[in-house]
C-alpha atoms as a PDB file:
ATOM      1  CA  MET A   1      -9.708   0.921 -37.313  1.00  0.00           C
ATOM      2  CA  THR A   2      -8.369   0.783 -40.659  1.00  0.00           C
ATOM      3  CA  HIS A   3     -10.477   3.820 -41.911  1.00  0.00           C
ATOM      4  CA  GLU A   4      -9.132   5.775 -38.750  1.00  0.00           C
ATOM      5  CA  VAL A   5      -5.074   4.431 -39.297  1.00  0.00           C
ATOM      6  CA  LEU A   6      -5.047   4.372 -43.632  1.00  0.00           C
ATOM      7  CA  PRO A   7      -5.464   7.187 -44.417  1.00  0.00           C
ATOM      8  CA  GLY A   8      -3.354   9.452 -42.273  1.00  0.00           C
ATOM      9  CA  PHE A   9      -0.331   6.473 -41.251  1.00  0.00           C
ATOM     10  CA  LEU A  10       0.214   3.659 -43.463  1.00  0.00           C
ATOM     11  CA  LEU A  11      -0.833   5.275 -46.898  1.00  0.00           C
ATOM     12  CA  ASN A  12       1.812   8.340 -46.254  1.00  0.00           C
ATOM     13  CA  GLY A  13       4.250   6.224 -46.097  1.00  0.00           C
ATOM     14  CA  ASP A  14       7.149   4.805 -48.505  1.00  0.00           C
ATOM     15  CA  PRO A  15       5.862   3.645 -51.078  1.00  0.00           C
ATOM     16  CA  SER A  16       6.471  -0.501 -49.909  1.00  0.00           C
ATOM     17  CA  ILE A  17       4.563  -0.066 -47.267  1.00  0.00           C
ATOM     18  CA  GLN A  18       1.793   1.423 -49.382  1.00  0.00           C
ATOM     19  CA  TYR A  19       2.335  -1.165 -51.814  1.00  0.00           C
ATOM     20  CA  LEU A  20       1.869  -4.104 -48.848  1.00  0.00           C
ATOM     21  CA  VAL A  21      -1.225  -1.694 -47.605  1.00  0.00           C
ATOM     22  CA  TYR A  22      -3.260  -2.555 -51.163  1.00  0.00           C
ATOM     23  CA  ARG A  23      -1.541  -6.106 -51.266  1.00  0.00           C
ATOM     24  CA  ASP A  24      -2.430  -7.574 -48.014  1.00  0.00           C
ATOM     25  CA  LEU A  25      -5.342  -4.921 -46.201  1.00  0.00           C
ATOM     26  CA  LEU A  26      -7.327  -3.313 -49.162  1.00  0.00           C
ATOM     27  CA  LYS A  27      -6.833  -6.702 -51.619  1.00  0.00           C
ATOM     28  CA  ASP A  28      -6.724  -3.739 -54.700  1.00  0.00           C
ATOM     29  CA  GLU A  29      -4.150  -5.766 -57.566  1.00  0.00           C
ATOM     30  CA  SER A  30      -4.190  -2.462 -59.295  1.00  0.00           C
ATOM     31  CA  ASN A  31      -2.975  -0.229 -57.070  1.00  0.00           C
ATOM     32  CA  ALA A  32      -0.231  -2.479 -55.564  1.00  0.00           C
ATOM     33  CA  LEU A  33       1.100  -2.728 -58.814  1.00  0.00           C
ATOM     34  CA  VAL A  34       1.983   0.957 -59.189  1.00  0.00           C
ATOM     35  CA  PHE A  35       2.938   1.074 -55.881  1.00  0.00           C
ATOM     36  CA  GLN A  36       5.525  -1.945 -55.997  1.00  0.00           C
ATOM     37  CA  GLU A  37       7.210  -0.098 -59.208  1.00  0.00           C
ATOM     38  CA  GLU A  38       7.434   2.992 -57.488  1.00  0.00           C
ATOM     39  CA  ALA A  39       9.041   1.122 -54.836  1.00  0.00           C
ATOM     40  CA  GLN A  40      11.341  -0.246 -57.099  1.00  0.00           C
ATOM     41  CA  ARG A  41      12.506   3.263 -58.535  1.00  0.00           C
ATOM     42  CA  THR A  42      12.570   5.526 -54.524  1.00  0.00           C
ATOM     43  CA  GLY A  43      12.139   4.060 -51.024  1.00  0.00           C
ATOM     44  CA  ILE A  44      13.147   1.556 -48.729  1.00  0.00           C
ATOM     45  CA  VAL A  45      13.269  -1.232 -52.139  1.00  0.00           C
ATOM     46  CA  SER A  46      15.380   0.997 -54.275  1.00  0.00           C
ATOM     47  CA  ARG A  47      17.863   2.023 -51.416  1.00  0.00           C
ATOM     48  CA  LEU A  48      18.664  -1.751 -50.281  1.00  0.00           C
ATOM     49  CA  LEU A  49      18.679  -2.815 -54.573  1.00  0.00           C
ATOM     50  CA  ALA A  50      21.291   0.291 -54.513  1.00  0.00           C
ATOM     51  CA  CYS A  51      23.609  -1.639 -51.922  1.00  0.00           C
ATOM     52  CA  GLN A  52      24.305  -5.097 -53.520  1.00  0.00           C
ATOM     53  CA  THR A  53      28.235  -4.910 -54.772  1.00  0.00           C
ATOM     54  CA  PRO A  54      29.813  -5.720 -58.161  1.00  0.00           C
ATOM     55  CA  SER A  55      30.169  -9.111 -57.208  1.00  0.00           C
ATOM     56  CA  GLY A  56      26.447  -9.618 -56.569  1.00  0.00           C
ATOM     57  CA  HIS A  57      26.650  -9.774 -53.104  1.00  0.00           C
ATOM     58  CA  TRP A  58      25.268  -7.437 -50.352  1.00  0.00           C
ATOM     59  CA  GLY A  59      27.665  -6.884 -47.812  1.00  0.00           C
ATOM     60  CA  ILE A  60      30.823  -9.060 -47.728  1.00  0.00           C
ATOM     61  CA  HIS A  61      29.393 -13.004 -49.000  1.00  0.00           C
ATOM     62  CA  TYR A  62      25.998 -15.043 -48.701  1.00  0.00           C
ATOM     63  CA  TYR A  63      26.018 -14.756 -44.569  1.00  0.00           C
ATOM     64  CA  GLN A  64      28.807 -11.969 -43.642  1.00  0.00           C
ATOM     65  CA  PRO A  65      28.079  -9.703 -42.150  1.00  0.00           C
ATOM     66  CA  LYS A  66      24.669 -10.082 -40.028  1.00  0.00           C
ATOM     67  CA  TRP A  67      22.795  -7.772 -40.859  1.00  0.00           C
ATOM     68  CA  THR A  68      23.840  -6.457 -44.501  1.00  0.00           C
ATOM     69  CA  CYS A  69      24.907  -9.594 -46.132  1.00  0.00           C
ATOM     70  CA  THR A  70      23.043 -11.465 -49.384  1.00  0.00           C
ATOM     71  CA  HIS A  71      20.775 -13.500 -47.156  1.00  0.00           C
ATOM     72  CA  TYR A  72      19.421 -11.168 -44.920  1.00  0.00           C
ATOM     73  CA  THR A  73      18.693  -8.349 -47.266  1.00  0.00           C
ATOM     74  CA  LEU A  74      16.857 -10.745 -49.977  1.00  0.00           C
ATOM     75  CA  THR A  75      14.763 -11.773 -46.771  1.00  0.00           C
ATOM     76  CA  ASP A  76      13.885  -7.538 -46.177  1.00  0.00           C
ATOM     77  CA  LEU A  77      14.014  -7.696 -49.797  1.00  0.00           C
ATOM     78  CA  VAL A  78      10.961 -10.107 -49.525  1.00  0.00           C
ATOM     79  CA  HIS A  79       9.123  -8.354 -46.437  1.00  0.00           C
ATOM     80  CA  PHE A  80       9.148  -4.795 -48.335  1.00  0.00           C
ATOM     81  CA  GLY A  81       7.581  -6.327 -51.471  1.00  0.00           C
ATOM     82  CA  ALA A  82      10.639  -6.196 -54.310  1.00  0.00           C
ATOM     83  CA  GLN A  83       9.336  -7.277 -57.631  1.00  0.00           C
ATOM     84  CA  PRO A  84      10.163 -11.210 -58.281  1.00  0.00           C
ATOM     85  CA  ASP A  85      11.697 -10.860 -61.328  1.00  0.00           C
ATOM     86  CA  THR A  86      13.942  -8.007 -60.370  1.00  0.00           C
ATOM     87  CA  PRO A  87      16.896  -8.995 -62.616  1.00  0.00           C
ATOM     88  CA  SER A  88      19.988  -8.622 -60.184  1.00  0.00           C
ATOM     89  CA  ILE A  89      18.214 -10.711 -57.630  1.00  0.00           C
ATOM     90  CA  LYS A  90      17.370 -13.669 -60.293  1.00  0.00           C
ATOM     91  CA  ASN A  91      21.497 -13.259 -60.751  1.00  0.00           C
ATOM     92  CA  ILE A  92      22.592 -13.582 -57.538  1.00  0.00           C
ATOM     93  CA  LEU A  93      20.175 -16.628 -56.688  1.00  0.00           C
ATOM     94  CA  ALA A  94      21.739 -18.280 -59.639  1.00  0.00           C
ATOM     95  CA  LYS A  95      25.390 -17.513 -58.582  1.00  0.00           C
ATOM     96  CA  MET A  96      23.874 -19.272 -54.584  1.00  0.00           C
ATOM     97  CA  ALA A  97      22.426 -22.302 -56.537  1.00  0.00           C
ATOM     98  CA  ASN A  98      25.715 -22.856 -58.322  1.00  0.00           C
ATOM     99  CA  GLU A  99      28.089 -21.830 -55.545  1.00  0.00           C
ATOM    100  CA  THR A 100      26.722 -22.639 -52.250  1.00  0.00           C
ATOM    101  CA  LEU A 101      24.449 -25.907 -53.268  1.00  0.00           C
ATOM    102  CA  ASP A 102      26.033 -29.331 -51.324  1.00  0.00           C
ATOM    103  CA  GLU A 103      25.563 -32.781 -51.119  1.00  0.00           C
ATOM    104  CA  PHE A 104      22.380 -32.910 -49.392  1.00  0.00           C
ATOM    105  CA  GLN A 105      20.650 -30.377 -51.981  1.00  0.00           C
ATOM    106  CA  THR A 106      20.901 -27.834 -49.430  1.00  0.00           C
ATOM    107  CA  LEU A 107      22.326 -24.213 -49.074  1.00  0.00           C
ATOM    108  CA  ASP A 108      25.716 -24.002 -47.006  1.00  0.00           C
ATOM    109  CA  PHE A 109      27.221 -20.447 -46.816  1.00  0.00           C
ATOM    110  CA  SER A 110      29.631 -21.151 -44.533  1.00  0.00           C
ATOM    111  CA  LYS A 111      33.358 -20.327 -45.898  1.00  0.00           C
ATOM    112  CA  THR A 112      34.717 -22.964 -43.826  1.00  0.00           C
ATOM    113  CA  LYS A 113      33.708 -26.907 -44.150  1.00  0.00           C
ATOM    114  CA  LEU A 114      30.560 -26.557 -41.347  1.00  0.00           C
ATOM    115  CA  PRO A 115      27.426 -28.325 -42.315  1.00  0.00           C
ATOM    116  CA  SER A 116      24.593 -26.284 -43.669  1.00  0.00           C
ATOM    117  CA  ASP A 117      22.264 -24.423 -41.452  1.00  0.00           C
ATOM    118  CA  ASN A 118      18.356 -25.630 -41.146  1.00  0.00           C
ATOM    119  CA  ALA A 119      17.140 -22.559 -40.029  1.00  0.00           C
ATOM    120  CA  ILE A 120      18.943 -20.323 -42.873  1.00  0.00           C
ATOM    121  CA  ASN A 121      17.791 -22.740 -45.374  1.00  0.00           C
ATOM    122  CA  GLY A 122      14.251 -22.266 -44.225  1.00  0.00           C
ATOM    123  CA  MET A 123      14.706 -18.466 -44.274  1.00  0.00           C
ATOM    124  CA  ALA A 124      16.342 -19.176 -47.775  1.00  0.00           C
ATOM    125  CA  LEU A 125      13.163 -20.846 -49.022  1.00  0.00           C
ATOM    126  CA  THR A 126      10.982 -18.026 -48.781  1.00  0.00           C
ATOM    127  CA  TYR A 127      13.051 -15.529 -50.937  1.00  0.00           C
ATOM    128  CA  LEU A 128      13.892 -18.815 -52.979  1.00  0.00           C
ATOM    129  CA  THR A 129      10.071 -19.121 -53.520  1.00  0.00           C
ATOM    130  CA  TYR A 130       9.432 -15.177 -53.942  1.00  0.00           C
ATOM    131  CA  PHE A 131      11.823 -14.457 -56.346  1.00  0.00           C
ATOM    132  CA  HIS A 132      10.900 -17.829 -58.780  1.00  0.00           C
ATOM    133  CA  ALA A 133      14.105 -19.775 -57.926  1.00  0.00           C
ATOM    134  CA  PRO A 134      14.118 -23.129 -60.113  1.00  0.00           C
ATOM    135  CA  ALA A 135      11.733 -25.590 -58.247  1.00  0.00           C
ATOM    136  CA  SER A 136      14.318 -27.994 -58.388  1.00  0.00           C
ATOM    137  CA  LEU A 137      16.112 -26.344 -55.590  1.00  0.00           C
ATOM    138  CA  VAL A 138      13.608 -25.865 -53.612  1.00  0.00           C
ATOM    139  CA  ARG A 139      12.562 -29.137 -54.093  1.00  0.00           C
ATOM    140  CA  GLY A 140      15.601 -30.532 -52.747  1.00  0.00           C
ATOM    141  CA  ILE A 141      15.849 -27.978 -49.376  1.00  0.00           C
ATOM    142  CA  VAL A 142      12.149 -29.006 -48.960  1.00  0.00           C
ATOM    143  CA  ARG A 143      12.615 -32.525 -48.993  1.00  0.00           C
ATOM    144  CA  PHE A 144      15.758 -32.164 -46.689  1.00  0.00           C
ATOM    145  CA  LEU A 145      14.188 -29.995 -43.850  1.00  0.00           C
ATOM    146  CA  VAL A 146      10.795 -32.400 -43.709  1.00  0.00           C
ATOM    147  CA  ASP A 147      13.091 -35.159 -43.312  1.00  0.00           C
ATOM    148  CA  HIS A 148      14.719 -33.565 -41.089  1.00  0.00           C
ATOM    149  CA  GLN A 149      11.883 -33.004 -38.480  1.00  0.00           C
ATOM    150  CA  LYS A 150      12.565 -33.496 -34.980  1.00  0.00           C
ATOM    151  CA  ALA A 151      10.229 -36.428 -33.365  1.00  0.00           C
ATOM    152  CA  ASP A 152       8.756 -33.508 -31.212  1.00  0.00           C
ATOM    153  CA  GLY A 153       7.892 -31.221 -34.435  1.00  0.00           C
ATOM    154  CA  GLY A 154      10.124 -29.047 -33.661  1.00  0.00           C
ATOM    155  CA  PHE A 155      13.901 -28.141 -35.702  1.00  0.00           C
ATOM    156  CA  SER A 156      17.043 -27.715 -34.643  1.00  0.00           C
ATOM    157  CA  TRP A 157      19.698 -25.602 -36.761  1.00  0.00           C
ATOM    158  CA  ALA A 158      22.158 -28.426 -36.895  1.00  0.00           C
ATOM    159  CA  HIS A 159      20.955 -30.910 -38.473  1.00  0.00           C
ATOM    160  CA  HIS A 160      24.336 -33.099 -38.135  1.00  0.00           C
ATOM    161  CA  ARG A 161      23.969 -33.246 -34.673  1.00  0.00           C
ATOM    162  CA  GLU A 162      21.054 -35.656 -33.450  1.00  0.00           C
ATOM    163  CA  GLU A 163      21.233 -34.421 -30.010  1.00  0.00           C
ATOM    164  CA  GLN A 164      20.331 -30.699 -30.773  1.00  0.00           C
ATOM    165  CA  PRO A 165      17.258 -29.991 -28.970  1.00  0.00           C
ATOM    166  CA  SER A 166      14.682 -28.460 -31.008  1.00  0.00           C
ATOM    167  CA  ASP A 167      14.182 -24.629 -30.411  1.00  0.00           C
ATOM    168  CA  PRO A 168      11.862 -21.610 -31.441  1.00  0.00           C
ATOM    169  CA  HIS A 169      14.259 -19.846 -33.671  1.00  0.00           C
ATOM    170  CA  SER A 170      15.092 -22.280 -36.235  1.00  0.00           C
ATOM    171  CA  THR A 171      11.536 -23.616 -36.264  1.00  0.00           C
ATOM    172  CA  ILE A 172       9.914 -20.525 -36.971  1.00  0.00           C
ATOM    173  CA  CYS A 173      12.143 -19.961 -39.724  1.00  0.00           C
ATOM    174  CA  VAL A 174      11.243 -23.528 -41.502  1.00  0.00           C
ATOM    175  CA  LEU A 175       7.799 -23.202 -40.422  1.00  0.00           C
ATOM    176  CA  GLU A 176       7.656 -19.982 -42.517  1.00  0.00           C
ATOM    177  CA  GLY A 177       9.951 -21.272 -45.673  1.00  0.00           C
ATOM    178  CA  LEU A 178       7.680 -24.500 -45.832  1.00  0.00           C
ATOM    179  CA  ARG A 179       4.463 -22.561 -45.781  1.00  0.00           C
ATOM    180  CA  SER A 180       5.595 -20.210 -48.557  1.00  0.00           C
ATOM    181  CA  VAL A 181       6.509 -23.144 -50.520  1.00  0.00           C
ATOM    182  CA  TYR A 182       2.710 -24.618 -49.949  1.00  0.00           C
ATOM    183  CA  PRO A 183       0.597 -23.291 -52.689  1.00  0.00           C
ATOM    184  CA  LEU A 184       3.436 -24.004 -55.597  1.00  0.00           C
ATOM    185  CA  ALA A 185       3.687 -27.818 -54.231  1.00  0.00           C
ATOM    186  CA  SER A 186       2.495 -30.824 -55.862  1.00  0.00           C
ATOM    187  CA  LEU A 187      -0.697 -32.776 -53.988  1.00  0.00           C
ATOM    188  CA  GLU A 188       2.412 -35.215 -52.801  1.00  0.00           C
ATOM    189  CA  GLU A 189       4.507 -32.571 -51.324  1.00  0.00           C
ATOM    190  CA  LYS A 190       1.332 -30.609 -49.946  1.00  0.00           C
ATOM    191  CA  THR A 191       0.478 -33.446 -47.654  1.00  0.00           C
ATOM    192  CA  ARG A 192       4.309 -33.503 -46.688  1.00  0.00           C
ATOM    193  CA  ILE A 193       4.497 -30.062 -45.744  1.00  0.00           C
ATOM    194  CA  ALA A 194       1.238 -29.440 -44.480  1.00  0.00           C
ATOM    195  CA  ASP A 195       1.976 -32.321 -42.053  1.00  0.00           C
ATOM    196  CA  ALA A 196       5.365 -30.970 -41.275  1.00  0.00           C
ATOM    197  CA  LEU A 197       3.294 -27.304 -40.373  1.00  0.00           C
ATOM    198  CA  ARG A 198       0.700 -29.104 -38.042  1.00  0.00           C
ATOM    199  CA  ARG A 199       3.595 -30.744 -36.399  1.00  0.00           C
ATOM    200  CA  GLY A 200       5.663 -27.887 -35.867  1.00  0.00           C
ATOM    201  CA  ILE A 201       2.929 -25.516 -34.422  1.00  0.00           C
ATOM    202  CA  VAL A 202       1.996 -27.993 -32.369  1.00  0.00           C
ATOM    203  CA  TYR A 203       5.661 -27.851 -31.244  1.00  0.00           C
ATOM    204  CA  LEU A 204       5.309 -24.518 -30.120  1.00  0.00           C
ATOM    205  CA  GLU A 205       2.174 -24.902 -28.465  1.00  0.00           C
ATOM    206  CA  THR A 206       3.242 -27.292 -26.144  1.00  0.00           C
ATOM    207  CA  ASN A 207       6.145 -26.072 -25.246  1.00  0.00           C
ATOM    208  CA  ASP A 208       4.646 -22.915 -24.172  1.00  0.00           C
ATOM    209  CA  PHE A 209       6.409 -20.873 -26.907  1.00  0.00           C
ATOM    210  CA  PHE A 210       2.839 -19.263 -27.224  1.00  0.00           C
ATOM    211  CA  ALA A 211       3.467 -17.719 -23.674  1.00  0.00           C
ATOM    212  CA  GLU A 212       4.748 -13.877 -22.994  1.00  0.00           C
ATOM    213  CA  GLU A 213       8.009 -14.193 -22.207  1.00  0.00           C
ATOM    214  CA  PRO A 214       9.767 -11.208 -21.803  1.00  0.00           C
ATOM    215  CA  ALA A 215      12.266 -12.256 -24.535  1.00  0.00           C
ATOM    216  CA  HIS A 216       9.414 -13.397 -26.968  1.00  0.00           C
ATOM    217  CA  ARG A 217       7.296 -10.244 -26.534  1.00  0.00           C
ATOM    218  CA  ARG A 218       8.950  -7.108 -28.191  1.00  0.00           C
ATOM    219  CA  LEU A 219       7.548  -5.954 -30.985  1.00  0.00           C
ATOM    220  CA  ILE A 220      10.984  -6.396 -33.464  1.00  0.00           C
ATOM    221  CA  PHE A 221      11.491  -5.969 -36.439  1.00  0.00           C
ATOM    222  CA  PRO A 222      13.043  -7.223 -38.950  1.00  0.00           C
ATOM    223  CA  TYR A 223      12.990 -10.869 -37.543  1.00  0.00           C
ATOM    224  CA  ARG A 224      16.364 -12.355 -38.651  1.00  0.00           C
ATOM    225  CA  TYR A 225      16.408 -15.624 -37.120  1.00  0.00           C
ATOM    226  CA  ARG A 226      14.390 -14.991 -33.753  1.00  0.00           C
ATOM    227  CA  TYR A 227      11.273 -16.117 -33.049  1.00  0.00           C
ATOM    228  CA  SER A 228       8.676 -13.793 -31.438  1.00  0.00           C
ATOM    229  CA  LEU A 229       5.124 -13.811 -30.817  1.00  0.00           C
ATOM    230  CA  LEU A 230       4.010 -11.378 -34.011  1.00  0.00           C
ATOM    231  CA  ARG A 231       5.959 -13.134 -36.556  1.00  0.00           C
ATOM    232  CA  VAL A 232       3.984 -16.565 -34.850  1.00  0.00           C
ATOM    233  CA  MET A 233       1.002 -14.496 -34.963  1.00  0.00           C
ATOM    234  CA  GLU A 234       2.076 -13.427 -38.670  1.00  0.00           C
ATOM    235  CA  PHE A 235       2.874 -17.206 -39.176  1.00  0.00           C
ATOM    236  CA  LEU A 236      -0.226 -18.949 -37.568  1.00  0.00           C
ATOM    237  CA  ALA A 237      -2.571 -16.605 -39.495  1.00  0.00           C
ATOM    238  CA  GLU A 238      -1.546 -17.982 -43.232  1.00  0.00           C
ATOM    239  CA  CYS A 239      -1.909 -21.390 -41.968  1.00  0.00           C
ATOM    240  CA  ARG A 240      -5.434 -20.514 -41.259  1.00  0.00           C
ATOM    241  CA  PHE A 241      -6.165 -23.557 -44.278  1.00  0.00           C
ATOM    242  CA  LEU A 242      -4.704 -26.113 -42.279  1.00  0.00           C
ATOM    243  CA  PRO A 243      -7.306 -28.366 -39.969  1.00  0.00           C
ATOM    244  CA  GLY A 244      -7.569 -27.044 -36.603  1.00  0.00           C
ATOM    245  CA  SER A 245      -5.198 -23.541 -37.198  1.00  0.00           C
ATOM    246  CA  GLU A 246      -8.469 -22.302 -38.357  1.00  0.00           C
ATOM    247  CA  SER A 247      -8.400 -19.394 -35.627  1.00  0.00           C
ATOM    248  CA  LEU A 248      -5.493 -17.582 -33.309  1.00  0.00           C
ATOM    249  CA  PRO A 249      -5.020 -18.638 -29.902  1.00  0.00           C
ATOM    250  CA  PRO A 250      -6.937 -15.861 -28.270  1.00  0.00           C
ATOM    251  CA  ALA A 251      -4.309 -15.473 -25.549  1.00  0.00           C
ATOM    252  CA  LEU A 252      -2.260 -13.876 -28.234  1.00  0.00           C
ATOM    253  CA  ILE A 253      -4.772 -12.012 -29.997  1.00  0.00           C
ATOM    254  CA  GLU A 254      -4.905 -10.673 -26.437  1.00  0.00           C
ATOM    255  CA  TRP A 255      -1.789  -9.788 -25.810  1.00  0.00           C
ATOM    256  CA  LEU A 256      -2.040  -7.749 -29.900  1.00  0.00           C
ATOM    257  CA  ARG A 257      -4.461  -5.726 -29.185  1.00  0.00           C
ATOM    258  CA  LYS A 258      -3.063  -4.811 -25.419  1.00  0.00           C
ATOM    259  CA  LYS A 259       0.317  -3.886 -27.739  1.00  0.00           C
ATOM    260  CA  ARG A 260      -1.573  -1.422 -29.628  1.00  0.00           C
ATOM    261  CA  GLY A 261      -0.926   2.585 -28.359  1.00  0.00           C
ATOM    262  CA  LYS A 262      -3.385   5.129 -27.691  1.00  0.00           C
ATOM    263  CA  ASP A 263      -3.283   6.452 -30.791  1.00  0.00           C
ATOM    264  CA  GLY A 264      -4.406   3.430 -32.694  1.00  0.00           C
ATOM    265  CA  LEU A 265      -0.806   2.612 -33.610  1.00  0.00           C
ATOM    266  CA  TRP A 266       1.934  -0.106 -33.052  1.00  0.00           C
ATOM    267  CA  SER A 267       5.168   0.877 -32.183  1.00  0.00           C
ATOM    268  CA  LEU A 268       8.993  -0.056 -32.893  1.00  0.00           C
ATOM    269  CA  GLU A 269      10.158  -1.573 -29.719  1.00  0.00           C
ATOM    270  CA  GLY A 270      13.791  -2.723 -31.016  1.00  0.00           C
ATOM    271  CA  THR A 271      16.060  -4.338 -33.317  1.00  0.00           C
ATOM    272  CA  TYR A 272      18.538  -7.072 -33.224  1.00  0.00           C
ATOM    273  CA  PRO A 273      22.617  -5.917 -32.821  1.00  0.00           C
ATOM    274  CA  GLY A 274      24.238  -5.404 -35.713  1.00  0.00           C
ATOM    275  CA  LYS A 275      25.619  -3.833 -39.274  1.00  0.00           C
ATOM    276  CA  VAL A 276      22.612  -2.783 -41.107  1.00  0.00           C
ATOM    277  CA  HIS A 277      22.346  -0.581 -44.121  1.00  0.00           C
ATOM    278  CA  PHE A 278      20.465   1.634 -42.769  1.00  0.00           C
ATOM    279  CA  LEU A 279      17.329   2.119 -40.281  1.00  0.00           C
ATOM    280  CA  TYR A 280      14.135   1.294 -41.725  1.00  0.00           C
ATOM    281  CA  GLU A 281      11.765   2.992 -38.860  1.00  0.00           C
ATOM    282  CA  PRO A 282      12.597   5.367 -35.781  1.00  0.00           C
ATOM    283  CA  LEU A 283      12.843   3.123 -32.439  1.00  0.00           C
ATOM    284  CA  HIS A 284      10.241   3.590 -29.889  1.00  0.00           C
ATOM    285  CA  GLN A 285       8.039   5.292 -32.373  1.00  0.00           C
ATOM    286  CA  PRO A 286       4.775   4.210 -34.389  1.00  0.00           C
ATOM    287  CA  SER A 287       5.765   1.953 -36.866  1.00  0.00           C
ATOM    288  CA  ARG A 288       4.412   1.594 -40.227  1.00  0.00           C
ATOM    289  CA  MET A 289       5.408  -1.775 -40.650  1.00  0.00           C
ATOM    290  CA  ILE A 290       4.073  -3.640 -37.519  1.00  0.00           C
ATOM    291  CA  THR A 291       0.904  -1.225 -37.477  1.00  0.00           C
ATOM    292  CA  LEU A 292       0.632  -3.197 -40.661  1.00  0.00           C
ATOM    293  CA  LYS A 293       1.381  -6.334 -39.940  1.00  0.00           C
ATOM    294  CA  ALA A 294      -1.003  -6.394 -36.368  1.00  0.00           C
ATOM    295  CA  MET A 295      -3.881  -5.187 -39.221  1.00  0.00           C
ATOM    296  CA  GLY A 296      -3.497  -8.001 -40.965  1.00  0.00           C
ATOM    297  CA  ILE A 297      -3.155 -10.405 -38.332  1.00  0.00           C
ATOM    298  CA  LEU A 298      -6.219  -8.905 -36.472  1.00  0.00           C
ATOM    299  CA  ALA A 299      -7.938  -8.844 -39.379  1.00  0.00           C
ATOM    300  CA  GLN A 300      -8.108 -12.471 -39.791  1.00  0.00           C
ATOM    301  CA  THR A 301     -10.361 -12.441 -36.533  1.00  0.00           C
ATOM    302  CA  GLU A 302     -12.018  -9.125 -36.724  1.00  0.00           C
ATOM    303  CA  PRO A 303     -12.957  -8.368 -39.869  1.00  0.00           C
ATOM    304  CA  THR A 304     -15.017  -5.376 -38.830  1.00  0.00           C
ATOM    305  CA  GLU A 305     -12.758  -3.491 -36.736  1.00  0.00           C
END
């Protein structure tokens, strides 16, 4: 599959996709860096960076509006491989830490007195880590989230409501964030993070969130804050270092194979409603991003395909 698809499709796409192909599939660091630099000048990453306003924000504020706000734009810039030391991003992250850090050492993006949101903080961990935010900021959020994992292993968005049940959307957002921090954590922190990851995976598995529910099986990107089978497969593929998580569930692998079109590609089946800067890819057409993710996941189980 790799030799058939790469030359004519993935490597003829946006510079950011070419960067991700060389980084994640071909493991070619020198070529990857060339395309990452090009992506800063042209294509999706460049266009997203150009949408930043004089205030330093994207959209209106940290979480207003969906999906053009600072929070979701930073998330997208991680997905498309923006350079981690981009000055304009470093500046807004410093502003974010100064303006939104609450008494719990988490980020509170609300403009009212609403408590911070666990799902948002989990997503924030991913871009804070990627863009080299101060370790003290990251550690505070990690500590809070791990301390507020539910007894069933899941997470809810509302840490201030003990009765609020775990949900797959908040859980996958937090688990991804913890996974992004893991390589940089201390030995003690790694032990706690690994335990939280294992418990979270068990929560998703035992509550049938690996099943092919209609709401979860569409190939949608960007993920936003929503759970999906593709998203959880990508996460699980990155957690194979955990004992007991060395392989992906066979049913999920088979589901992903069936999603592949006759042309060998995977299509973008939908997006979530909301304001966007611009469309990354056309709907119901072969998708470079979805295809890249699917190939990366299957490479974990079918390295010779």
